[in-house]
Each structure stands twice: as C-alpha cells, then as structure tokens.
Amino acid sequence: MSDYQHIDHGFEPVYDESSRVLVLGSFPSVLSRANDFYYGNPQNRFWRVMASCLDEPTPTSIAEKRGMLLAHGVALWDVIASCDIRGSSDASIKNVVPVDVARVTSAAPIEAILCNGATSGRLYHRHLEAIAARAAIVMPSTSPANAAWSLDRLTERWVEELAALGVC
C-alpha cells in the first residue's frame, strides 16, 4: 500500500449534550476504517488506557466503547475529515480537510480538548484551534508506534490529565 489514497473519515464523532472533554485523534488507521470505529487496531492502547482511567472494564464492542466514553462525559473524534494518506501512516498525511469541530463544541459543553499524539496536536493547532477558540492539551499517543511509552506510563499520564479535568 505504497500509493496515496484520498480517504474520507467514514464515521461519526462520539458525543452528546453532556460531553465535557473532547479527545481528538488524527485520522483513522486502516484497521479502524475496516472496523468502522475509532482505535480499531488491537495493538492501539487507547481503549485500555481509557478503561483504566475511567475505572471500567476494557470495552470490546462499539456500543460498549461509545457507552463508556459518554457515561464519563468524554467525546471522541479526529482532526481530519479527509486526506491523502498511505496506509495508516500519520507521517504520510497530506491535503488535509479538517472536521467541522463546531459540530461538537457548539452542541456540548466542552471544557477541554485533548489531542492523542503529536500529529493530532500539530494538525489541531494548524486547522482547528482558532475555530475552537481554545488550545488543546497534547497527550502522548496511544499508538503502538509510540513504543517509548509503556502502557503503565501512558495510563499514568492520561489519568493525571483526566483527573485534573474531573473526568476520573
């Protein structure tokens, strides 16, 4: 899969009128797109980290994942609505069309935005920060490519931030 493909995001944000924290990834991986939901690669640690933070069992179904986040006031989306990309490589992303972040920020009382990784943070700053009228907190990526951060270290950092925001 060495050629670029123009890909549309493909699935909806997770949020409701009680969402207070918005977590933004960059763009769904090949496995996430195949599974039609966020963080579909079983090696991605997002769902394990969030379950630990929220003191919940690790969800397995889309309904469980969505339910866990919403029960704790967490919204989930990505920065990119569509882009050109090779496979799942964030480094290959180009021709970004950002999401309409106001769709979530105008419907929910979002108090904080967390970007899952440096790419998400960079793209948020470039494309969405002025629209959302708030800076985002860039968190260490839960991606398996972020091998410098163990699951325990990731969980500790995410718990620290989410606890400060009153989520866990």
C-alpha atoms as a PDB file:
ATOM      1  CA  MET A   1       0.000   0.000   0.000  1.00  0.00           C
ATOM      2  CA  SER A   2       2.682   2.462  -1.075  1.00  0.00           C
ATOM      3  CA  ASP A   3       0.387   4.683  -3.126  1.00  0.00           C
ATOM      4  CA  TYR A   4      -1.517   7.584  -1.675  1.00  0.00           C
ATOM      5  CA  GLN A   5      -5.269   7.275  -1.451  1.00  0.00           C
ATOM      6  CA  HIS A   6      -7.744  10.067  -0.796  1.00  0.00           C
ATOM      7  CA  ILE A   7      -9.791   8.792   2.132  1.00  0.00           C
ATOM      8  CA  ASP A   8     -12.867  10.224   3.841  1.00  0.00           C
ATOM      9  CA  HIS A   9     -13.035   9.714   7.600  1.00  0.00           C
ATOM     10  CA  GLY A  10     -16.026   7.425   7.362  1.00  0.00           C
ATOM     11  CA  PHE A  11     -17.695   7.505  10.765  1.00  0.00           C
ATOM     12  CA  GLU A  12     -19.371   9.895  13.157  1.00  0.00           C
ATOM     13  CA  PRO A  13     -17.977  11.618  16.233  1.00  0.00           C
ATOM     14  CA  VAL A  14     -18.929  10.264  19.652  1.00  0.00           C
ATOM     15  CA  TYR A  15     -20.531  12.958  21.814  1.00  0.00           C
ATOM     16  CA  ASP A  16     -23.738  14.055  23.484  1.00  0.00           C
ATOM     17  CA  GLU A  17     -25.023  17.093  25.352  1.00  0.00           C
ATOM     18  CA  SER A  18     -23.128  16.003  28.494  1.00  0.00           C
ATOM     19  CA  SER A  19     -19.676  15.712  26.892  1.00  0.00           C
ATOM     20  CA  ARG A  20     -17.154  17.930  28.666  1.00  0.00           C
ATOM     21  CA  VAL A  21     -13.833  16.682  27.303  1.00  0.00           C
ATOM     22  CA  LEU A  22     -13.123  16.154  23.606  1.00  0.00           C
ATOM     23  CA  VAL A  23     -10.359  13.697  22.671  1.00  0.00           C
ATOM     24  CA  LEU A  24      -9.093  14.149  19.119  1.00  0.00           C
ATOM     25  CA  GLY A  25      -7.010  11.674  17.179  1.00  0.00           C
ATOM     26  CA  SER A  26      -5.516  12.464  13.804  1.00  0.00           C
ATOM     27  CA  PHE A  27      -7.179  10.103  11.294  1.00  0.00           C
ATOM     28  CA  PRO A  28      -8.459   6.503  11.482  1.00  0.00           C
ATOM     29  CA  SER A  29      -5.992   3.729  10.731  1.00  0.00           C
ATOM     30  CA  VAL A  30      -6.653   1.105   8.075  1.00  0.00           C
ATOM     31  CA  LEU A  31      -7.961  -1.251  10.793  1.00  0.00           C
ATOM     32  CA  SER A  32     -10.148   1.449  12.325  1.00  0.00           C
ATOM     33  CA  ARG A  33     -11.625   2.201   8.914  1.00  0.00           C
ATOM     34  CA  ALA A  34     -12.237  -1.527   8.362  1.00  0.00           C
ATOM     35  CA  ASN A  35     -13.887  -1.798  11.796  1.00  0.00           C
ATOM     36  CA  ASP A  36     -15.827   1.447  11.251  1.00  0.00           C
ATOM     37  CA  PHE A  37     -14.818   2.858  14.637  1.00  0.00           C
ATOM     38  CA  TYR A  38     -12.016   4.570  16.461  1.00  0.00           C
ATOM     39  CA  TYR A  39      -8.827   2.790  17.529  1.00  0.00           C
ATOM     40  CA  GLY A  40      -9.670  -0.481  15.820  1.00  0.00           C
ATOM     41  CA  ASN A  41      -6.102  -1.777  15.863  1.00  0.00           C
ATOM     42  CA  PRO A  42      -5.960  -4.138  18.873  1.00  0.00           C
ATOM     43  CA  GLN A  43      -2.357  -3.007  19.445  1.00  0.00           C
ATOM     44  CA  ASN A  44      -3.509   0.581  19.980  1.00  0.00           C
ATOM     45  CA  ARG A  45      -3.742   1.163  23.714  1.00  0.00           C
ATOM     46  CA  PHE A  46      -6.483   3.818  23.691  1.00  0.00           C
ATOM     47  CA  TRP A  47      -9.319   1.630  24.976  1.00  0.00           C
ATOM     48  CA  ARG A  48      -7.164   0.022  27.687  1.00  0.00           C
ATOM     49  CA  VAL A  49      -5.885   3.425  28.816  1.00  0.00           C
ATOM     50  CA  MET A  50      -9.357   4.968  28.887  1.00  0.00           C
ATOM     51  CA  ALA A  51     -10.859   1.975  30.714  1.00  0.00           C
ATOM     52  CA  SER A  52      -8.144   2.228  33.376  1.00  0.00           C
ATOM     53  CA  CYS A  53      -8.642   5.979  33.671  1.00  0.00           C
ATOM     54  CA  LEU A  54     -12.402   5.628  33.999  1.00  0.00           C
ATOM     55  CA  ASP A  55     -12.244   2.569  36.270  1.00  0.00           C
ATOM     56  CA  GLU A  56     -14.233   0.481  33.800  1.00  0.00           C
ATOM     57  CA  PRO A  57     -13.629  -2.907  32.177  1.00  0.00           C
ATOM     58  CA  THR A  58     -11.961  -2.630  28.787  1.00  0.00           C
ATOM     59  CA  PRO A  59     -14.791  -2.393  26.268  1.00  0.00           C
ATOM     60  CA  THR A  60     -14.837  -4.685  23.265  1.00  0.00           C
ATOM     61  CA  SER A  61     -17.893  -3.741  21.194  1.00  0.00           C
ATOM     62  CA  ILE A  62     -18.543  -0.394  19.565  1.00  0.00           C
ATOM     63  CA  ALA A  63     -21.612   0.046  21.781  1.00  0.00           C
ATOM     64  CA  GLU A  64     -19.524  -0.604  24.925  1.00  0.00           C
ATOM     65  CA  LYS A  65     -16.804   1.799  23.779  1.00  0.00           C
ATOM     66  CA  ARG A  66     -19.292   4.550  22.953  1.00  0.00           C
ATOM     67  CA  GLY A  67     -21.210   3.947  26.189  1.00  0.00           C
ATOM     68  CA  MET A  68     -18.098   4.084  28.372  1.00  0.00           C
ATOM     69  CA  LEU A  69     -16.987   7.416  26.938  1.00  0.00           C
ATOM     70  CA  LEU A  70     -20.403   9.042  27.059  1.00  0.00           C
ATOM     71  CA  ALA A  71     -21.058   7.855  30.624  1.00  0.00           C
ATOM     72  CA  HIS A  72     -17.988   9.833  31.697  1.00  0.00           C
ATOM     73  CA  GLY A  73     -18.540  12.979  29.623  1.00  0.00           C
ATOM     74  CA  VAL A  74     -15.877  12.178  27.041  1.00  0.00           C
ATOM     75  CA  ALA A  75     -16.349  12.970  23.349  1.00  0.00           C
ATOM     76  CA  LEU A  76     -14.173  11.378  20.657  1.00  0.00           C
ATOM     77  CA  TRP A  77     -13.367  12.454  17.121  1.00  0.00           C
ATOM     78  CA  ASP A  78     -10.433  13.077  14.817  1.00  0.00           C
ATOM     79  CA  VAL A  79      -8.940  16.302  13.476  1.00  0.00           C
ATOM     80  CA  ILE A  80      -9.127  15.199   9.832  1.00  0.00           C
ATOM     81  CA  ALA A  81     -12.336  14.744   7.831  1.00  0.00           C
ATOM     82  CA  SER A  82     -10.448  13.597   4.725  1.00  0.00           C
ATOM     83  CA  CYS A  83      -6.895  13.497   3.436  1.00  0.00           C
ATOM     84  CA  ASP A  84      -4.433  11.766   1.187  1.00  0.00           C
ATOM     85  CA  ILE A  85      -2.662   9.026   3.100  1.00  0.00           C
ATOM     86  CA  ARG A  86      -0.542   5.911   2.581  1.00  0.00           C
ATOM     87  CA  GLY A  87      -1.939   3.082   4.680  1.00  0.00           C
ATOM     88  CA  SER A  88      -2.108   4.181   8.313  1.00  0.00           C
ATOM     89  CA  SER A  89       0.988   6.374   8.311  1.00  0.00           C
ATOM     90  CA  ASP A  90       0.383   9.714  10.041  1.00  0.00           C
ATOM     91  CA  ALA A  91       3.708  10.835   8.570  1.00  0.00           C
ATOM     92  CA  SER A  92       2.290  10.463   5.061  1.00  0.00           C
ATOM     93  CA  ILE A  93      -0.814  12.618   5.612  1.00  0.00           C
ATOM     94  CA  LYS A  94      -1.262  15.462   3.147  1.00  0.00           C
ATOM     95  CA  ASN A  95      -4.061  17.545   1.619  1.00  0.00           C
ATOM     96  CA  VAL A  96      -5.918  17.708   4.933  1.00  0.00           C
ATOM     97  CA  VAL A  97      -9.564  18.706   5.104  1.00  0.00           C
ATOM     98  CA  PRO A  98     -10.321  19.301   8.807  1.00  0.00           C
ATOM     99  CA  VAL A  99     -13.507  18.281  10.585  1.00  0.00           C
ATOM    100  CA  ASP A 100     -16.165  20.837  11.500  1.00  0.00           C
ATOM    101  CA  VAL A 101     -15.179  20.917  15.165  1.00  0.00           C
ATOM    102  CA  ALA A 102     -18.008  23.359  15.927  1.00  0.00           C
ATOM    103  CA  ARG A 103     -20.380  20.447  15.342  1.00  0.00           C
ATOM    104  CA  VAL A 104     -19.278  19.099  18.725  1.00  0.00           C
ATOM    105  CA  THR A 105     -18.180  22.267  20.544  1.00  0.00           C
ATOM    106  CA  SER A 106     -21.477  24.031  19.839  1.00  0.00           C
ATOM    107  CA  ALA A 107     -23.610  21.028  20.877  1.00  0.00           C
ATOM    108  CA  ALA A 108     -21.775  20.029  24.061  1.00  0.00           C
ATOM    109  CA  PRO A 109     -20.253  21.997  26.953  1.00  0.00           C
ATOM    110  CA  ILE A 110     -16.672  21.079  26.021  1.00  0.00           C
ATOM    111  CA  GLU A 111     -14.286  22.366  28.695  1.00  0.00           C
ATOM    112  CA  ALA A 112     -11.058  20.851  27.391  1.00  0.00           C
ATOM    113  CA  ILE A 113      -9.629  19.312  24.246  1.00  0.00           C
ATOM    114  CA  LEU A 114      -7.010  16.562  24.407  1.00  0.00           C
ATOM    115  CA  CYS A 115      -5.072  15.556  21.314  1.00  0.00           C
ATOM    116  CA  ASN A 116      -3.975  11.936  21.199  1.00  0.00           C
ATOM    117  CA  GLY A 117      -0.412  12.387  19.978  1.00  0.00           C
ATOM    118  CA  ALA A 118       1.825  14.982  18.371  1.00  0.00           C
ATOM    119  CA  THR A 119       0.336  14.676  14.875  1.00  0.00           C
ATOM    120  CA  SER A 120      -3.153  15.322  16.177  1.00  0.00           C
ATOM    121  CA  GLY A 121      -1.820  18.254  18.213  1.00  0.00           C
ATOM    122  CA  ARG A 122       0.024  19.773  15.268  1.00  0.00           C
ATOM    123  CA  LEU A 123      -2.962  19.422  12.940  1.00  0.00           C
ATOM    124  CA  TYR A 124      -5.353  20.760  15.582  1.00  0.00           C
ATOM    125  CA  HIS A 125      -3.153  23.822  16.070  1.00  0.00           C
ATOM    126  CA  ARG A 126      -2.919  24.403  12.327  1.00  0.00           C
ATOM    127  CA  HIS A 127      -6.544  23.774  11.328  1.00  0.00           C
ATOM    128  CA  LEU A 128      -8.912  23.931  14.324  1.00  0.00           C
ATOM    129  CA  GLU A 129      -7.518  25.890  17.271  1.00  0.00           C
ATOM    130  CA  ALA A 130      -8.713  29.289  16.034  1.00  0.00           C
ATOM    131  CA  ILE A 131     -12.172  27.887  15.237  1.00  0.00           C
ATOM    132  CA  ALA A 132     -12.500  26.125  18.595  1.00  0.00           C
ATOM    133  CA  ALA A 133     -11.090  29.215  20.336  1.00  0.00           C
ATOM    134  CA  ARG A 134      -9.046  27.169  22.774  1.00  0.00           C
ATOM    135  CA  ALA A 135      -5.681  25.492  22.962  1.00  0.00           C
ATOM    136  CA  ALA A 136      -5.527  21.738  23.204  1.00  0.00           C
ATOM    137  CA  ILE A 137      -3.517  19.606  25.583  1.00  0.00           C
ATOM    138  CA  VAL A 138      -1.275  17.296  23.560  1.00  0.00           C
ATOM    139  CA  MET A 139      -1.135  13.875  25.169  1.00  0.00           C
ATOM    140  CA  PRO A 140       1.294  11.048  24.449  1.00  0.00           C
ATOM    141  CA  SER A 141      -0.046   8.888  21.645  1.00  0.00           C
ATOM    142  CA  THR A 142      -1.676   5.576  22.479  1.00  0.00           C
ATOM    143  CA  SER A 143      -0.500   4.243  19.094  1.00  0.00           C
ATOM    144  CA  PRO A 144       1.657   1.118  19.093  1.00  0.00           C
ATOM    145  CA  ALA A 145       4.172   3.204  17.118  1.00  0.00           C
ATOM    146  CA  ASN A 146       4.794   5.160  20.341  1.00  0.00           C
ATOM    147  CA  ALA A 147       6.957   2.413  21.832  1.00  0.00           C
ATOM    148  CA  ALA A 148       8.765   4.877  24.116  1.00  0.00           C
ATOM    149  CA  TRP A 149       5.666   4.958  26.333  1.00  0.00           C
ATOM    150  CA  SER A 150       4.709   1.752  28.147  1.00  0.00           C
ATOM    151  CA  LEU A 151       1.045   1.046  28.866  1.00  0.00           C
ATOM    152  CA  ASP A 152       1.591   1.868  32.552  1.00  0.00           C
ATOM    153  CA  ARG A 153       3.308   5.162  31.781  1.00  0.00           C
ATOM    154  CA  LEU A 154       0.625   6.129  29.243  1.00  0.00           C
ATOM    155  CA  THR A 155      -2.146   5.291  31.679  1.00  0.00           C
ATOM    156  CA  GLU A 156      -0.480   7.289  34.441  1.00  0.00           C
ATOM    157  CA  ARG A 157      -0.177  10.381  32.223  1.00  0.00           C
ATOM    158  CA  TRP A 158      -3.723  10.133  30.860  1.00  0.00           C
ATOM    159  CA  VAL A 159      -5.149   9.550  34.380  1.00  0.00           C
ATOM    160  CA  GLU A 160      -3.244  12.601  35.628  1.00  0.00           C
ATOM    161  CA  GLU A 161      -4.763  14.836  32.941  1.00  0.00           C
ATOM    162  CA  LEU A 162      -8.274  13.423  33.030  1.00  0.00           C
ATOM    163  CA  ALA A 163      -8.347  13.563  36.834  1.00  0.00           C
ATOM    164  CA  ALA A 164      -7.323  17.229  36.702  1.00  0.00           C
ATOM    165  CA  LEU A 165     -10.298  17.784  34.392  1.00  0.00           C
ATOM    166  CA  GLY A 166     -12.642  15.954  36.792  1.00  0.00           C
ATOM    167  CA  VAL A 167     -13.272  13.006  34.481  1.00  0.00           C
ATOM    168  CA  CYS A 168     -11.702  10.263  36.583  1.00  0.00           C
END
